[in-house]
Amino acid sequence: MKLHRDSSLLHYRISAWQANQITLQPPQQPRCHEQPELIVQRQSFIISSNSLEPWPYRKLDELTPEVLEDLCQRFSFEIFLLGSGAQHRYPETALFTPLISRQCGFEVMSTAAACRTFNVLVDEARPLLAAMLLET
């Protein structure tokens, strides 16, 4: 019988969502048997399987195509998830021009749904970037 290390431990995972905060499990370091301390995010952030950084935007109407162009320049991804806050709201299609021009898939959903979807796509080793809006 072959045994394989659980690769989900090597990536960020979202372990809990509330309207004003998201709890993350950071990647476990190889050969480290201790569980890393959970991270609680209370402001909007950008997350991929191996990176996490704050994002200064709190509302959907603050986003512009230039904001997404900046993400396209700084990160390598094929799928973009946008958690639009507690409620599902869809922005103007023009916002996604930088993603469309790169033939990058994107999906807009409530932040709770984006958290669940993020975990599924990370488990599938899909190259994704997610922006989670927290309206604090």
Protein backbone atom coordinates (compact mmCIF):
# COMPACT_ATOMS: atom_id res chain seq x y z
CA MET A 1 0.00 0.00 0.00
CA LYS A 2 1.35 3.41 -0.96
CA LEU A 3 0.99 6.21 1.53
CA HIS A 4 1.00 9.83 0.49
CA ARG A 5 1.27 12.95 2.57
CA ASP A 6 -1.94 14.99 2.63
CA SER A 7 -1.01 17.76 0.18
CA SER A 8 -3.81 19.99 1.50
CA LEU A 9 -1.60 20.65 4.53
CA LEU A 10 0.96 22.33 2.27
CA HIS A 11 -1.43 25.11 1.21
CA TYR A 12 -3.57 27.79 2.75
CA ARG A 13 -7.03 26.54 3.69
CA ILE A 14 -10.06 28.49 4.82
CA SER A 15 -11.40 26.89 7.97
CA ALA A 16 -14.19 29.28 9.03
CA TRP A 17 -16.18 32.20 7.71
CA GLN A 18 -18.24 34.85 9.49
CA ALA A 19 -19.58 38.11 8.08
CA ASN A 20 -16.71 40.12 9.55
CA GLN A 21 -13.84 37.62 9.67
CA ILE A 22 -12.33 34.59 7.98
CA THR A 23 -10.13 32.04 9.73
CA LEU A 24 -7.28 30.51 7.73
CA GLN A 25 -5.08 27.52 8.27
CA PRO A 26 -1.59 28.41 6.99
CA PRO A 27 0.54 25.87 5.13
CA GLN A 28 2.30 23.35 7.32
CA GLN A 29 6.05 23.36 6.86
CA PRO A 30 7.48 20.15 5.41
CA ARG A 31 8.85 17.81 8.09
CA CYS A 32 7.10 19.82 10.79
CA HIS A 33 4.55 17.84 12.76
CA GLU A 34 3.07 20.74 14.69
CA GLN A 35 -0.09 22.43 13.42
CA PRO A 36 0.59 26.09 12.62
CA GLU A 37 -1.45 28.70 14.44
CA LEU A 38 -4.66 29.78 12.72
CA ILE A 39 -4.78 33.22 11.09
CA VAL A 40 -7.86 35.39 11.58
CA GLN A 41 -8.45 37.94 8.83
CA ARG A 42 -10.75 40.84 9.70
CA GLN A 43 -10.08 42.86 6.56
CA SER A 44 -10.24 42.06 2.86
CA PHE A 45 -7.38 39.97 1.48
CA ILE A 46 -5.93 38.23 -1.56
CA ILE A 47 -5.15 34.54 -1.23
CA SER A 48 -3.67 31.80 -3.39
CA SER A 49 -2.61 28.32 -2.39
CA ASN A 50 0.73 29.65 -1.16
CA SER A 51 0.35 33.40 -0.57
CA LEU A 52 -1.75 35.70 1.54
CA GLU A 53 -1.76 39.48 1.64
CA PRO A 54 -4.07 42.25 2.77
CA TRP A 55 -6.21 44.02 0.18
CA PRO A 56 -7.30 47.62 0.80
CA TYR A 57 -10.73 47.28 -0.84
CA ARG A 58 -13.86 46.68 1.23
CA LYS A 59 -16.65 47.20 -1.28
CA LEU A 60 -17.31 45.92 -4.76
CA ASP A 61 -17.77 49.40 -6.20
CA GLU A 62 -14.22 50.34 -5.15
CA LEU A 63 -12.77 47.90 -7.69
CA THR A 64 -11.63 49.01 -11.15
CA PRO A 65 -10.12 47.21 -14.14
CA GLU A 66 -6.77 48.72 -13.11
CA VAL A 67 -6.97 46.92 -9.76
CA LEU A 68 -7.45 43.59 -11.52
CA GLU A 69 -4.74 44.44 -14.05
CA ASP A 70 -2.35 44.90 -11.13
CA LEU A 71 -3.25 41.44 -9.82
CA CYS A 72 -2.66 39.94 -13.27
CA GLN A 73 0.79 41.52 -13.34
CA ARG A 74 1.77 40.35 -9.85
CA PHE A 75 0.34 36.83 -9.70
CA SER A 76 0.22 33.77 -11.93
CA PHE A 77 -3.26 32.21 -12.01
CA GLU A 78 -5.82 30.75 -14.39
CA ILE A 79 -8.90 31.17 -12.18
CA PHE A 80 -9.96 34.26 -10.26
CA LEU A 81 -12.56 34.10 -7.49
CA LEU A 82 -14.12 37.27 -6.16
CA GLY A 83 -15.94 37.04 -2.84
CA SER A 84 -18.30 40.02 -3.10
CA GLY A 85 -19.14 40.29 0.61
CA ALA A 86 -21.96 38.88 2.72
CA GLN A 87 -24.37 39.10 -0.23
CA HIS A 88 -23.78 37.97 -3.79
CA ARG A 89 -23.43 41.03 -6.01
CA TYR A 90 -22.16 41.12 -9.55
CA PRO A 91 -20.16 44.15 -10.78
CA GLU A 92 -20.16 45.66 -14.25
CA THR A 93 -18.60 43.26 -16.77
CA ALA A 94 -16.04 45.90 -17.77
CA LEU A 95 -14.29 45.27 -14.44
CA PHE A 96 -13.12 41.91 -15.75
CA THR A 97 -11.53 43.18 -18.99
CA PRO A 98 -7.97 42.34 -17.79
CA LEU A 99 -9.04 38.76 -17.00
CA ILE A 100 -11.00 38.31 -20.23
CA SER A 101 -8.08 39.55 -22.34
CA ARG A 102 -5.86 36.90 -20.70
CA GLN A 103 -8.50 34.18 -21.14
CA CYS A 104 -8.56 33.74 -17.39
CA GLY A 105 -11.63 32.16 -15.83
CA PHE A 106 -13.42 34.15 -13.15
CA GLU A 107 -16.36 33.79 -10.86
CA VAL A 108 -18.14 36.21 -8.53
CA MET A 109 -20.01 34.87 -5.51
CA SER A 110 -20.69 35.74 -1.91
CA THR A 111 -17.57 35.61 0.24
CA ALA A 112 -18.89 32.53 2.08
CA ALA A 113 -19.34 30.68 -1.22
CA ALA A 114 -15.92 31.88 -2.42
CA CYS A 115 -14.34 30.45 0.74
CA ARG A 116 -15.84 27.02 0.09
CA THR A 117 -14.92 27.14 -3.59
CA PHE A 118 -11.36 28.21 -2.78
CA ASN A 119 -10.81 25.08 -0.68
CA VAL A 120 -12.17 22.78 -3.39
CA LEU A 121 -9.99 24.34 -6.10
CA VAL A 122 -6.87 24.29 -3.89
CA ASP A 123 -7.49 20.59 -3.23
CA GLU A 124 -7.58 20.07 -7.00
CA ALA A 125 -4.24 21.95 -7.33
CA ARG A 126 -5.85 24.51 -9.64
CA PRO A 127 -3.83 27.72 -10.22
CA LEU A 128 -6.13 30.28 -8.65
CA LEU A 129 -6.22 33.63 -6.94
CA ALA A 130 -9.09 34.74 -4.74
CA ALA A 131 -10.02 38.18 -3.49
CA MET A 132 -12.19 38.10 -0.39
CA LEU A 133 -14.07 41.29 0.43
CA LEU A 134 -14.86 41.79 4.09
CA GLU A 135 -17.07 44.77 4.70
CA THR A 136 -15.69 45.93 8.03
